[in-house]
Amino acid sequence: MGFLFVYDTTDYSSFKDLQSYIQVIDEAEKKSKDIIPSVKMLIGNKSDLGIDLVPEDEVLKIQKDYNMLPSQKVSALENSNINDSIVLMARDIYNEKELWKMESKEKGGMIGINDIKQDVLK
């Protein structure tokens, strides 16, 4: 499972607003210890405008605090770096899933999707 958190590089408040969503997902994952960890990535959109009002140190802090993939700058208008970002995310989701399968087998088996749903709904 993966989450792309997209913010507008020309609007600092759009970046700050994402933090509450990131925290909700992070807390849900912490409650559900047997679920495959999600892959998360920050995406800064509107790179074509050349304006970035979100300080890089804040982006790096969020990445580190929530164990995210490196952030990406994209332009939906110019279709720039979108495919690369999605491929990076898909590759990491696959790798995370395979790692989880191996670790789960070592612990004595895998849980089913219904077990995951029940755990998340608690």
PDB file of N, CA and C in Angstrom:
ATOM      1  N   MET A   1       0.855  -1.161   0.000  1.00  0.00           N
ATOM      2  CA  MET A   1       0.000   0.000   0.000  1.00  0.00           C
ATOM      3  C   MET A   1       0.904   1.228   0.000  1.00  0.00           C
ATOM      4  N   GLY A   2       0.494   2.250  -0.702  1.00  0.00           N
ATOM      5  CA  GLY A   2       1.297   3.453  -0.777  1.00  0.00           C
ATOM      6  C   GLY A   2       0.454   4.709  -0.726  1.00  0.00           C
ATOM      7  N   PHE A   3       1.092   5.763  -0.259  1.00  0.00           N
ATOM      8  CA  PHE A   3       0.434   7.065  -0.166  1.00  0.00           C
ATOM      9  C   PHE A   3       1.322   8.120  -0.811  1.00  0.00           C
ATOM     10  N   LEU A   4       0.760   8.833  -1.746  1.00  0.00           N
ATOM     11  CA  LEU A   4       1.429   9.996  -2.329  1.00  0.00           C
ATOM     12  C   LEU A   4       0.795  11.227  -1.699  1.00  0.00           C
ATOM     13  N   PHE A   5       1.592  11.994  -1.009  1.00  0.00           N
ATOM     14  CA  PHE A   5       1.112  13.228  -0.388  1.00  0.00           C
ATOM     15  C   PHE A   5       1.560  14.391  -1.271  1.00  0.00           C
ATOM     16  N   VAL A   6       0.602  14.971  -1.979  1.00  0.00           N
ATOM     17  CA  VAL A   6       0.914  16.001  -2.963  1.00  0.00           C
ATOM     18  C   VAL A   6       0.607  17.380  -2.392  1.00  0.00           C
ATOM     19  N   TYR A   7       1.575  18.266  -2.514  1.00  0.00           N
ATOM     20  CA  TYR A   7       1.386  19.648  -2.078  1.00  0.00           C
ATOM     21  C   TYR A   7       1.788  20.592  -3.197  1.00  0.00           C
ATOM     22  N   ASP A   8       1.322  21.801  -3.101  1.00  0.00           N
ATOM     23  CA  ASP A   8       1.597  22.856  -4.074  1.00  0.00           C
ATOM     24  C   ASP A   8       2.861  23.586  -3.624  1.00  0.00           C
ATOM     25  N   THR A   9       3.898  23.540  -4.436  1.00  0.00           N
ATOM     26  CA  THR A   9       5.168  24.179  -4.045  1.00  0.00           C
ATOM     27  C   THR A   9       5.052  25.702  -3.938  1.00  0.00           C
ATOM     28  N   THR A  10       3.992  26.250  -4.515  1.00  0.00           N
ATOM     29  CA  THR A  10       3.811  27.717  -4.455  1.00  0.00           C
ATOM     30  C   THR A  10       2.914  28.142  -3.294  1.00  0.00           C
ATOM     31  N   ASP A  11       2.481  27.163  -2.478  1.00  0.00           N
ATOM     32  CA  ASP A  11       1.550  27.453  -1.378  1.00  0.00           C
ATOM     33  C   ASP A  11       1.991  26.675  -0.130  1.00  0.00           C
ATOM     34  N   TYR A  12       2.677  27.358   0.771  1.00  0.00           N
ATOM     35  CA  TYR A  12       3.218  26.726   1.972  1.00  0.00           C
ATOM     36  C   TYR A  12       2.131  26.053   2.804  1.00  0.00           C
ATOM     37  N   SER A  13       0.948  26.658   2.871  1.00  0.00           N
ATOM     38  CA  SER A  13      -0.122  26.087   3.699  1.00  0.00           C
ATOM     39  C   SER A  13      -0.542  24.702   3.198  1.00  0.00           C
ATOM     40  N   SER A  14      -0.439  24.450   1.896  1.00  0.00           N
ATOM     41  CA  SER A  14      -0.805  23.120   1.384  1.00  0.00           C
ATOM     42  C   SER A  14       0.158  22.060   1.929  1.00  0.00           C
ATOM     43  N   PHE A  15       1.398  22.417   2.136  1.00  0.00           N
ATOM     44  CA  PHE A  15       2.373  21.496   2.732  1.00  0.00           C
ATOM     45  C   PHE A  15       2.066  21.275   4.209  1.00  0.00           C
ATOM     46  N   LYS A  16       1.793  22.337   4.933  1.00  0.00           N
ATOM     47  CA  LYS A  16       1.496  22.222   6.365  1.00  0.00           C
ATOM     48  C   LYS A  16       0.227  21.406   6.600  1.00  0.00           C
ATOM     49  N   ASP A  17      -0.761  21.567   5.737  1.00  0.00           N
ATOM     50  CA  ASP A  17      -2.021  20.833   5.880  1.00  0.00           C
ATOM     51  C   ASP A  17      -1.831  19.324   5.725  1.00  0.00           C
ATOM     52  N   LEU A  18      -0.850  18.901   4.939  1.00  0.00           N
ATOM     53  CA  LEU A  18      -0.606  17.474   4.733  1.00  0.00           C
ATOM     54  C   LEU A  18      -0.187  16.765   6.013  1.00  0.00           C
ATOM     55  N   GLN A  19       0.438  17.491   6.908  1.00  0.00           N
ATOM     56  CA  GLN A  19       0.993  16.861   8.098  1.00  0.00           C
ATOM     57  C   GLN A  19      -0.069  16.161   8.944  1.00  0.00           C
ATOM     58  N   SER A  20      -1.266  16.704   9.008  1.00  0.00           N
ATOM     59  CA  SER A  20      -2.322  16.052   9.788  1.00  0.00           C
ATOM     60  C   SER A  20      -2.728  14.722   9.150  1.00  0.00           C
ATOM     61  N   TYR A  21      -2.771  14.659   7.820  1.00  0.00           N
ATOM     62  CA  TYR A  21      -3.087  13.412   7.132  1.00  0.00           C
ATOM     63  C   TYR A  21      -1.989  12.372   7.348  1.00  0.00           C
ATOM     64  N   ILE A  22      -0.764  12.818   7.267  1.00  0.00           N
ATOM     65  CA  ILE A  22       0.369  11.917   7.472  1.00  0.00           C
ATOM     66  C   ILE A  22       0.329  11.335   8.881  1.00  0.00           C
ATOM     67  N   GLN A  23       0.010  12.161   9.853  1.00  0.00           N
ATOM     68  CA  GLN A  23      -0.055  11.699  11.244  1.00  0.00           C
ATOM     69  C   GLN A  23      -1.164  10.674  11.450  1.00  0.00           C
ATOM     70  N   VAL A  24      -2.312  10.875  10.830  1.00  0.00           N
ATOM     71  CA  VAL A  24      -3.433   9.932  10.961  1.00  0.00           C
ATOM     72  C   VAL A  24      -3.026   8.559  10.428  1.00  0.00           C
ATOM     73  N   ILE A  25      -2.408   8.533   9.275  1.00  0.00           N
ATOM     74  CA  ILE A  25      -1.976   7.261   8.679  1.00  0.00           C
ATOM     75  C   ILE A  25      -0.905   6.614   9.539  1.00  0.00           C
ATOM     76  N   ASP A  26       0.037   7.408  10.014  1.00  0.00           N
ATOM     77  CA  ASP A  26       1.115   6.883  10.853  1.00  0.00           C
ATOM     78  C   ASP A  26       0.558   6.267  12.139  1.00  0.00           C
ATOM     79  N   GLU A  27      -0.395   6.930  12.769  1.00  0.00           N
ATOM     80  CA  GLU A  27      -0.993   6.407  14.001  1.00  0.00           C
ATOM     81  C   GLU A  27      -1.760   5.110  13.747  1.00  0.00           C
ATOM     82  N   ALA A  28      -2.472   5.040  12.628  1.00  0.00           N
ATOM     83  CA  ALA A  28      -3.208   3.815  12.290  1.00  0.00           C
ATOM     84  C   ALA A  28      -2.252   2.655  12.074  1.00  0.00           C
ATOM     85  N   GLU A  29      -1.126   2.917  11.439  1.00  0.00           N
ATOM     86  CA  GLU A  29      -0.140   1.856  11.215  1.00  0.00           C
ATOM     87  C   GLU A  29       0.483   1.388  12.523  1.00  0.00           C
ATOM     88  N   LYS A  30       0.713   2.297  13.431  1.00  0.00           N
ATOM     89  CA  LYS A  30       1.308   1.919  14.715  1.00  0.00           C
ATOM     90  C   LYS A  30       0.363   1.027  15.516  1.00  0.00           C
ATOM     91  N   LYS A  31      -0.940   1.255  15.391  1.00  0.00           N
ATOM     92  CA  LYS A  31      -1.930   0.429  16.097  1.00  0.00           C
ATOM     93  C   LYS A  31      -2.003  -0.967  15.509  1.00  0.00           C
ATOM     94  N   SER A  32      -1.729  -1.098  14.252  1.00  0.00           N
ATOM     95  CA  SER A  32      -1.855  -2.375  13.549  1.00  0.00           C
ATOM     96  C   SER A  32      -0.475  -2.941  13.264  1.00  0.00           C
ATOM     97  N   LYS A  33       0.059  -3.658  14.226  1.00  0.00           N
ATOM     98  CA  LYS A  33       1.438  -4.138  14.120  1.00  0.00           C
ATOM     99  C   LYS A  33       1.633  -5.226  13.069  1.00  0.00           C
ATOM    100  N   ASP A  34       0.573  -5.913  12.653  1.00  0.00           N
ATOM    101  CA  ASP A  34       0.708  -7.008  11.696  1.00  0.00           C
ATOM    102  C   ASP A  34       0.412  -6.609  10.254  1.00  0.00           C
ATOM    103  N   ILE A  35       0.228  -5.350  10.002  1.00  0.00           N
ATOM    104  CA  ILE A  35      -0.090  -4.909   8.649  1.00  0.00           C
ATOM    105  C   ILE A  35       1.204  -4.577   7.901  1.00  0.00           C
ATOM    106  N   ILE A  36       1.191  -4.773   6.595  1.00  0.00           N
ATOM    107  CA  ILE A  36       2.352  -4.415   5.785  1.00  0.00           C
ATOM    108  C   ILE A  36       2.552  -2.912   5.903  1.00  0.00           C
ATOM    109  N   PRO A  37       3.750  -2.459   6.247  1.00  0.00           N
ATOM    110  CA  PRO A  37       3.976  -1.010   6.356  1.00  0.00           C
ATOM    111  C   PRO A  37       3.727  -0.325   5.017  1.00  0.00           C
ATOM    112  N   SER A  38       3.107   0.829   5.058  1.00  0.00           N
ATOM    113  CA  SER A  38       2.844   1.551   3.817  1.00  0.00           C
ATOM    114  C   SER A  38       4.094   2.304   3.375  1.00  0.00           C
ATOM    115  N   VAL A  39       4.137   2.571   2.107  1.00  0.00           N
ATOM    116  CA  VAL A  39       5.204   3.366   1.516  1.00  0.00           C
ATOM    117  C   VAL A  39       4.636   4.763   1.315  1.00  0.00           C
ATOM    118  N   LYS A  40       5.386   5.759   1.755  1.00  0.00           N
ATOM    119  CA  LYS A  40       4.895   7.135   1.682  1.00  0.00           C
ATOM    120  C   LYS A  40       5.900   8.014   0.932  1.00  0.00           C
ATOM    121  N   MET A  41       5.348   8.966   0.188  1.00  0.00           N
ATOM    122  CA  MET A  41       6.200   9.890  -0.556  1.00  0.00           C
ATOM    123  C   MET A  41       5.548  11.263  -0.610  1.00  0.00           C
ATOM    124  N   LEU A  42       6.362  12.293  -0.430  1.00  0.00           N
ATOM    125  CA  LEU A  42       5.912  13.670  -0.623  1.00  0.00           C
ATOM    126  C   LEU A  42       6.167  14.068  -2.070  1.00  0.00           C
ATOM    127  N   ILE A  43       5.171  14.680  -2.682  1.00  0.00           N
ATOM    128  CA  ILE A  43       5.275  15.146  -4.060  1.00  0.00           C
ATOM    129  C   ILE A  43       5.001  16.650  -4.073  1.00  0.00           C
ATOM    130  N   GLY A  44       5.969  17.417  -4.518  1.00  0.00           N
ATOM    131  CA  GLY A  44       5.781  18.860  -4.676  1.00  0.00           C
ATOM    132  C   GLY A  44       5.385  19.152  -6.112  1.00  0.00           C
ATOM    133  N   ASN A  45       4.162  19.608  -6.313  1.00  0.00           N
ATOM    134  CA  ASN A  45       3.666  19.890  -7.657  1.00  0.00           C
ATOM    135  C   ASN A  45       3.892  21.355  -8.024  1.00  0.00           C
ATOM    136  N   LYS A  46       3.889  21.630  -9.309  1.00  0.00           N
ATOM    137  CA  LYS A  46       4.075  22.955  -9.914  1.00  0.00           C
ATOM    138  C   LYS A  46       5.550  23.345 -10.006  1.00  0.00           C
ATOM    139  N   SER A  47       6.405  22.339 -10.185  1.00  0.00           N
ATOM    140  CA  SER A  47       7.831  22.636 -10.333  1.00  0.00           C
ATOM    141  C   SER A  47       8.108  23.472 -11.580  1.00  0.00           C
ATOM    142  N   ASP A  48       7.192  23.447 -12.536  1.00  0.00           N
ATOM    143  CA  ASP A  48       7.365  24.221 -13.769  1.00  0.00           C
ATOM    144  C   ASP A  48       7.373  25.726 -13.521  1.00  0.00           C
ATOM    145  N   LEU A  49       6.813  26.173 -12.396  1.00  0.00           N
ATOM    146  CA  LEU A  49       6.760  27.607 -12.113  1.00  0.00           C
ATOM    147  C   LEU A  49       8.068  28.147 -11.537  1.00  0.00           C
ATOM    148  N   GLY A  50       8.929  27.247 -11.065  1.00  0.00           N
ATOM    149  CA  GLY A  50      10.215  27.684 -10.527  1.00  0.00           C
ATOM    150  C   GLY A  50      10.101  28.398  -9.189  1.00  0.00           C
ATOM    151  N   ILE A  51       8.963  28.255  -8.533  1.00  0.00           N
ATOM    152  CA  ILE A  51       8.742  28.888  -7.225  1.00  0.00           C
ATOM    153  C   ILE A  51       8.571  27.772  -6.202  1.00  0.00           C
ATOM    154  N   ASP A  52       9.397  27.794  -5.160  1.00  0.00           N
ATOM    155  CA  ASP A  52       9.275  26.782  -4.119  1.00  0.00           C
ATOM    156  C   ASP A  52       9.262  27.486  -2.772  1.00  0.00           C
ATOM    157  N   LEU A  53       8.071  27.621  -2.210  1.00  0.00           N
ATOM    158  CA  LEU A  53       7.901  28.321  -0.933  1.00  0.00           C
ATOM    159  C   LEU A  53       7.966  27.384   0.270  1.00  0.00           C
ATOM    160  N   VAL A  54       8.226  26.108   0.016  1.00  0.00           N
ATOM    161  CA  VAL A  54       8.324  25.136   1.107  1.00  0.00           C
ATOM    162  C   VAL A  54       9.799  24.883   1.374  1.00  0.00           C
ATOM    163  N   PRO A  55      10.272  25.254   2.564  1.00  0.00           N
ATOM    164  CA  PRO A  55      11.697  25.070   2.876  1.00  0.00           C
ATOM    165  C   PRO A  55      12.117  23.594   2.807  1.00  0.00           C
ATOM    166  N   GLU A  56      13.229  23.351   2.155  1.00  0.00           N
ATOM    167  CA  GLU A  56      13.716  21.985   1.970  1.00  0.00           C
ATOM    168  C   GLU A  56      13.974  21.277   3.296  1.00  0.00           C
ATOM    169  N   ASP A  57      14.414  22.015   4.306  1.00  0.00           N
ATOM    170  CA  ASP A  57      14.677  21.373   5.597  1.00  0.00           C
ATOM    171  C   ASP A  57      13.394  20.834   6.232  1.00  0.00           C
ATOM    172  N   GLU A  58      12.263  21.478   5.980  1.00  0.00           N
ATOM    173  CA  GLU A  58      10.985  20.979   6.501  1.00  0.00           C
ATOM    174  C   GLU A  58      10.545  19.710   5.761  1.00  0.00           C
ATOM    175  N   VAL A  59      10.776  19.687   4.468  1.00  0.00           N
ATOM    176  CA  VAL A  59      10.457  18.495   3.681  1.00  0.00           C
ATOM    177  C   VAL A  59      11.310  17.325   4.174  1.00  0.00           C
ATOM    178  N   LEU A  60      12.594  17.560   4.367  1.00  0.00           N
ATOM    179  CA  LEU A  60      13.500  16.505   4.828  1.00  0.00           C
ATOM    180  C   LEU A  60      13.132  16.007   6.218  1.00  0.00           C
ATOM    181  N   LYS A  61      12.673  16.914   7.082  1.00  0.00           N
ATOM    182  CA  LYS A  61      12.274  16.514   8.432  1.00  0.00           C
ATOM    183  C   LYS A  61      11.063  15.579   8.387  1.00  0.00           C
ATOM    184  N   ILE A  62      10.072  15.923   7.586  1.00  0.00           N
ATOM    185  CA  ILE A  62       8.882  15.074   7.446  1.00  0.00           C
ATOM    186  C   ILE A  62       9.289  13.704   6.887  1.00  0.00           C
ATOM    187  N   GLN A  63      10.141  13.712   5.866  1.00  0.00           N
ATOM    188  CA  GLN A  63      10.618  12.453   5.286  1.00  0.00           C
ATOM    189  C   GLN A  63      11.259  11.578   6.354  1.00  0.00           C
ATOM    190  N   LYS A  64      12.113  12.170   7.144  1.00  0.00           N
ATOM    191  CA  LYS A  64      12.832  11.418   8.175  1.00  0.00           C
ATOM    192  C   LYS A  64      11.885  10.953   9.281  1.00  0.00           C
ATOM    193  N   ASP A  65      11.046  11.849   9.768  1.00  0.00           N
ATOM    194  CA  ASP A  65      10.140  11.526  10.877  1.00  0.00           C
ATOM    195  C   ASP A  65       9.167  10.401  10.540  1.00  0.00           C
ATOM    196  N   TYR A  66       8.746  10.323   9.289  1.00  0.00           N
ATOM    197  CA  TYR A  66       7.739   9.341   8.893  1.00  0.00           C
ATOM    198  C   TYR A  66       8.279   8.280   7.935  1.00  0.00           C
ATOM    199  N   ASN A  67       9.603   8.160   7.879  1.00  0.00           N
ATOM    200  CA  ASN A  67      10.258   7.119   7.094  1.00  0.00           C
ATOM    201  C   ASN A  67       9.718   7.074   5.664  1.00  0.00           C
ATOM    202  N   MET A  68       9.830   8.188   4.972  1.00  0.00           N
ATOM    203  CA  MET A  68       9.309   8.301   3.613  1.00  0.00           C
ATOM    204  C   MET A  68      10.406   8.140   2.575  1.00  0.00           C
ATOM    205  N   LEU A  69       9.973   7.830   1.367  1.00  0.00           N
ATOM    206  CA  LEU A  69      10.883   7.850   0.232  1.00  0.00           C
ATOM    207  C   LEU A  69      11.333   9.287  -0.011  1.00  0.00           C
ATOM    208  N   PRO A  70      12.438   9.480  -0.729  1.00  0.00           N
ATOM    209  CA  PRO A  70      12.848  10.852  -1.048  1.00  0.00           C
ATOM    210  C   PRO A  70      11.733  11.599  -1.775  1.00  0.00           C
ATOM    211  N   SER A  71      11.534  12.851  -1.404  1.00  0.00           N
ATOM    212  CA  SER A  71      10.474  13.647  -2.031  1.00  0.00           C
ATOM    213  C   SER A  71      10.816  13.900  -3.496  1.00  0.00           C
ATOM    214  N   GLN A  72       9.782  14.162  -4.251  1.00  0.00           N
ATOM    215  CA  GLN A  72       9.939  14.414  -5.680  1.00  0.00           C
ATOM    216  C   GLN A  72       9.265  15.736  -6.032  1.00  0.00           C
ATOM    217  N   LYS A  73       9.840  16.432  -6.975  1.00  0.00           N
ATOM    218  CA  LYS A  73       9.217  17.639  -7.524  1.00  0.00           C
ATOM    219  C   LYS A  73       8.687  17.271  -8.907  1.00  0.00           C
ATOM    220  N   VAL A  74       7.431  17.598  -9.142  1.00  0.00           N
ATOM    221  CA  VAL A  74       6.794  17.251 -10.413  1.00  0.00           C
ATOM    222  C   VAL A  74       6.065  18.463 -10.983  1.00  0.00           C
ATOM    223  N   SER A  75       5.691  18.329 -12.235  1.00  0.00           N
ATOM    224  CA  SER A  75       4.815  19.313 -12.867  1.00  0.00           C
ATOM    225  C   SER A  75       3.706  18.544 -13.571  1.00  0.00           C
ATOM    226  N   ALA A  76       2.503  18.648 -13.033  1.00  0.00           N
ATOM    227  CA  ALA A  76       1.361  18.007 -13.685  1.00  0.00           C
ATOM    228  C   ALA A  76       1.100  18.674 -15.034  1.00  0.00           C
ATOM    229  N   LEU A  77       1.301  19.971 -15.097  1.00  0.00           N
ATOM    230  CA  LEU A  77       1.066  20.715 -16.333  1.00  0.00           C
ATOM    231  C   LEU A  77       1.967  20.220 -17.463  1.00  0.00           C
ATOM    232  N   GLU A  78       3.241  20.019 -17.143  1.00  0.00           N
ATOM    233  CA  GLU A  78       4.213  19.586 -18.154  1.00  0.00           C
ATOM    234  C   GLU A  78       4.435  18.073 -18.162  1.00  0.00           C
ATOM    235  N   ASN A  79       3.711  17.371 -17.306  1.00  0.00           N
ATOM    236  CA  ASN A  79       3.878  15.920 -17.168  1.00  0.00           C
ATOM    237  C   ASN A  79       5.353  15.571 -16.902  1.00  0.00           C
ATOM    238  N   SER A  80       5.953  16.315 -16.008  1.00  0.00           N
ATOM    239  CA  SER A  80       7.370  16.171 -15.708  1.00  0.00           C
ATOM    240  C   SER A  80       7.586  15.417 -14.398  1.00  0.00           C
ATOM    241  N   ASN A  81       8.350  14.338 -14.449  1.00  0.00           N
ATOM    242  CA  ASN A  81       8.787  13.545 -13.301  1.00  0.00           C
ATOM    243  C   ASN A  81       7.655  12.755 -12.635  1.00  0.00           C
ATOM    244  N   ILE A  82       6.486  12.747 -13.229  1.00  0.00           N
ATOM    245  CA  ILE A  82       5.354  12.022 -12.639  1.00  0.00           C
ATOM    246  C   ILE A  82       5.568  10.517 -12.759  1.00  0.00           C
ATOM    247  N   ASN A  83       5.873  10.052 -13.955  1.00  0.00           N
ATOM    248  CA  ASN A  83       6.082   8.610 -14.146  1.00  0.00           C
ATOM    249  C   ASN A  83       7.222   8.088 -13.283  1.00  0.00           C
ATOM    250  N   ASP A  84       8.325   8.824 -13.225  1.00  0.00           N
ATOM    251  CA  ASP A  84       9.465   8.391 -12.415  1.00  0.00           C
ATOM    252  C   ASP A  84       9.072   8.246 -10.946  1.00  0.00           C
ATOM    253  N   SER A  85       8.271   9.175 -10.454  1.00  0.00           N
ATOM    254  CA  SER A  85       7.836   9.129  -9.057  1.00  0.00           C
ATOM    255  C   SER A  85       6.953   7.918  -8.790  1.00  0.00           C
ATOM    256  N   ILE A  86       6.054   7.638  -9.707  1.00  0.00           N
ATOM    257  CA  ILE A  86       5.149   6.499  -9.539  1.00  0.00           C
ATOM    258  C   ILE A  86       5.912   5.180  -9.630  1.00  0.00           C
ATOM    259  N   VAL A  87       6.860   5.085 -10.550  1.00  0.00           N
ATOM    260  CA  VAL A  87       7.674   3.870 -10.671  1.00  0.00           C
ATOM    261  C   VAL A  87       8.493   3.656  -9.400  1.00  0.00           C
ATOM    262  N   LEU A  88       9.085   4.706  -8.870  1.00  0.00           N
ATOM    263  CA  LEU A  88       9.849   4.608  -7.624  1.00  0.00           C
ATOM    264  C   LEU A  88       8.962   4.088  -6.496  1.00  0.00           C
ATOM    265  N   MET A  89       7.762   4.631  -6.410  1.00  0.00           N
ATOM    266  CA  MET A  89       6.839   4.215  -5.368  1.00  0.00           C
ATOM    267  C   MET A  89       6.404   2.764  -5.564  1.00  0.00           C
ATOM    268  N   ALA A  90       6.051   2.395  -6.774  1.00  0.00           N
ATOM    269  CA  ALA A  90       5.604   1.030  -7.048  1.00  0.00           C
ATOM    270  C   ALA A  90       6.712   0.024  -6.735  1.00  0.00           C
ATOM    271  N   ARG A  91       7.925   0.351  -7.096  1.00  0.00           N
ATOM    272  CA  ARG A  91       9.049  -0.535  -6.820  1.00  0.00           C
ATOM    273  C   ARG A  91       9.229  -0.727  -5.314  1.00  0.00           C
ATOM    274  N   ASP A  92       9.099   0.339  -4.565  1.00  0.00           N
ATOM    275  CA  ASP A  92       9.269   0.245  -3.118  1.00  0.00           C
ATOM    276  C   ASP A  92       8.115  -0.515  -2.471  1.00  0.00           C
ATOM    277  N   ILE A  93       6.900  -0.345  -2.965  1.00  0.00           N
ATOM    278  CA  ILE A  93       5.746  -1.100  -2.449  1.00  0.00           C
ATOM    279  C   ILE A  93       5.984  -2.594  -2.670  1.00  0.00           C
ATOM    280  N   TYR A  94       6.422  -2.958  -3.861  1.00  0.00           N
ATOM    281  CA  TYR A  94       6.690  -4.368  -4.156  1.00  0.00           C
ATOM    282  C   TYR A  94       7.765  -4.917  -3.215  1.00  0.00           C
ATOM    283  N   ASN A  95       8.862  -4.180  -3.057  1.00  0.00           N
ATOM    284  CA  ASN A  95       9.947  -4.631  -2.185  1.00  0.00           C
ATOM    285  C   ASN A  95       9.488  -4.764  -0.738  1.00  0.00           C
ATOM    286  N   GLU A  96       8.698  -3.828  -0.274  1.00  0.00           N
ATOM    287  CA  GLU A  96       8.187  -3.860   1.100  1.00  0.00           C
ATOM    288  C   GLU A  96       7.279  -5.076   1.295  1.00  0.00           C
ATOM    289  N   LYS A  97       6.439  -5.346   0.306  1.00  0.00           N
ATOM    290  CA  LYS A  97       5.531  -6.489   0.381  1.00  0.00           C
ATOM    291  C   LYS A  97       6.320  -7.801   0.435  1.00  0.00           C
ATOM    292  N   GLU A  98       7.344  -7.927  -0.408  1.00  0.00           N
ATOM    293  CA  GLU A  98       8.150  -9.147  -0.426  1.00  0.00           C
ATOM    294  C   GLU A  98       8.894  -9.324   0.895  1.00  0.00           C
ATOM    295  N   LEU A  99       9.422  -8.260   1.436  1.00  0.00           N
ATOM    296  CA  LEU A  99      10.116  -8.322   2.728  1.00  0.00           C
ATOM    297  C   LEU A  99       9.145  -8.754   3.824  1.00  0.00           C
ATOM    298  N   TRP A 100       7.945  -8.180   3.805  1.00  0.00           N
ATOM    299  CA  TRP A 100       6.930  -8.515   4.800  1.00  0.00           C
ATOM    300  C   TRP A 100       6.550  -9.988   4.714  1.00  0.00           C
ATOM    301  N   LYS A 101       6.421 -10.510   3.487  1.00  0.00           N
ATOM    302  CA  LYS A 101       6.092 -11.927   3.308  1.00  0.00           C
ATOM    303  C   LYS A 101       7.164 -12.813   3.937  1.00  0.00           C
ATOM    304  N   MET A 102       8.433 -12.481   3.676  1.00  0.00           N
ATOM    305  CA  MET A 102       9.525 -13.282   4.231  1.00  0.00           C
ATOM    306  C   MET A 102       9.522 -13.229   5.758  1.00  0.00           C
ATOM    307  N   GLU A 103       9.350 -12.037   6.311  1.00  0.00           N
ATOM    308  CA  GLU A 103       9.336 -11.903   7.765  1.00  0.00           C
ATOM    309  C   GLU A 103       8.140 -12.619   8.373  1.00  0.00           C
ATOM    310  N   SER A 104       7.009 -12.564   7.692  1.00  0.00           N
ATOM    311  CA  SER A 104       5.796 -13.208   8.182  1.00  0.00           C
ATOM    312  C   SER A 104       5.959 -14.726   8.205  1.00  0.00           C
ATOM    313  N   LYS A 105       6.554 -15.276   7.173  1.00  0.00           N
ATOM    314  CA  LYS A 105       6.781 -16.724   7.120  1.00  0.00           C
ATOM    315  C   LYS A 105       7.707 -17.158   8.245  1.00  0.00           C
ATOM    316  N   GLU A 106       8.706 -16.343   8.551  1.00  0.00           N
ATOM    317  CA  GLU A 106       9.629 -16.658   9.641  1.00  0.00           C
ATOM    318  C   GLU A 106       8.915 -16.680  10.990  1.00  0.00           C
ATOM    319  N   LYS A 107       7.853 -15.899  11.100  1.00  0.00           N
ATOM    320  CA  LYS A 107       7.096 -15.825  12.358  1.00  0.00           C
ATOM    321  C   LYS A 107       6.018 -16.905  12.439  1.00  0.00           C
ATOM    322  N   GLY A 108       5.893 -17.741  11.411  1.00  0.00           N
ATOM    323  CA  GLY A 108       4.935 -18.835  11.497  1.00  0.00           C
ATOM    324  C   GLY A 108       3.720 -18.696  10.621  1.00  0.00           C
ATOM    325  N   GLY A 109       3.760 -17.897   9.603  1.00  0.00           N
ATOM    326  CA  GLY A 109       2.635 -17.820   8.683  1.00  0.00           C
ATOM    327  C   GLY A 109       2.237 -16.403   8.364  1.00  0.00           C
ATOM    328  N   MET A 110       1.325 -16.306   7.445  1.00  0.00           N
ATOM    329  CA  MET A 110       0.859 -14.993   7.007  1.00  0.00           C
ATOM    330  C   MET A 110      -0.566 -14.789   7.489  1.00  0.00           C
ATOM    331  N   ILE A 111      -0.943 -13.549   7.682  1.00  0.00           N
ATOM    332  CA  ILE A 111      -2.320 -13.239   8.041  1.00  0.00           C
ATOM    333  C   ILE A 111      -3.078 -12.889   6.772  1.00  0.00           C
ATOM    334  N   GLY A 112      -4.372 -13.078   6.795  1.00  0.00           N
ATOM    335  CA  GLY A 112      -5.192 -12.787   5.630  1.00  0.00           C
ATOM    336  C   GLY A 112      -5.660 -11.341   5.614  1.00  0.00           C
ATOM    337  N   ILE A 113      -6.239 -10.942   4.502  1.00  0.00           N
ATOM    338  CA  ILE A 113      -6.723  -9.576   4.351  1.00  0.00           C
ATOM    339  C   ILE A 113      -7.826  -9.261   5.348  1.00  0.00           C
ATOM    340  N   ASN A 114      -8.653 -10.240   5.696  1.00  0.00           N
ATOM    341  CA  ASN A 114      -9.713  -9.994   6.678  1.00  0.00           C
ATOM    342  C   ASN A 114      -9.128  -9.702   8.063  1.00  0.00           C
ATOM    343  N   ASP A 115      -8.010 -10.360   8.380  1.00  0.00           N
ATOM    344  CA  ASP A 115      -7.333 -10.063   9.653  1.00  0.00           C
ATOM    345  C   ASP A 115      -6.827  -8.636   9.664  1.00  0.00           C
ATOM    346  N   ILE A 116      -6.304  -8.202   8.531  1.00  0.00           N
ATOM    347  CA  ILE A 116      -5.790  -6.832   8.419  1.00  0.00           C
ATOM    348  C   ILE A 116      -6.937  -5.849   8.576  1.00  0.00           C
ATOM    349  N   LYS A 117      -8.054  -6.098   7.878  1.00  0.00           N
ATOM    350  CA  LYS A 117      -9.202  -5.185   7.961  1.00  0.00           C
ATOM    351  C   LYS A 117      -9.702  -5.077   9.394  1.00  0.00           C
ATOM    352  N   GLN A 118      -9.816  -6.210  10.073  1.00  0.00           N
ATOM    353  CA  GLN A 118     -10.307  -6.193  11.441  1.00  0.00           C
ATOM    354  C   GLN A 118      -9.381  -5.420  12.356  1.00  0.00           C
ATOM    355  N   ASP A 119      -8.069  -5.592  12.149  1.00  0.00           N
ATOM    356  CA  ASP A 119      -7.103  -4.905  12.986  1.00  0.00           C
ATOM    357  C   ASP A 119      -7.146  -3.392  12.771  1.00  0.00           C
ATOM    358  N   VAL A 120      -7.318  -2.988  11.518  1.00  0.00           N
ATOM    359  CA  VAL A 120      -7.376  -1.556  11.197  1.00  0.00           C
ATOM    360  C   VAL A 120      -8.649  -0.922  11.760  1.00  0.00           C
ATOM    361  N   LEU A 121      -9.755  -1.673  11.763  1.00  0.00           N
ATOM    362  CA  LEU A 121     -11.024  -1.123  12.225  1.00  0.00           C
ATOM    363  C   LEU A 121     -11.126  -1.012  13.733  1.00  0.00           C
ATOM    364  N   LYS A 122     -10.224  -1.646  14.465  1.00  0.00           N
ATOM    365  CA  LYS A 122     -10.273  -1.590  15.950  1.00  0.00           C
ATOM    366  C   LYS A 122     -10.005  -0.213  16.460  1.00  0.00           C
TER     367      LYS A 122
END
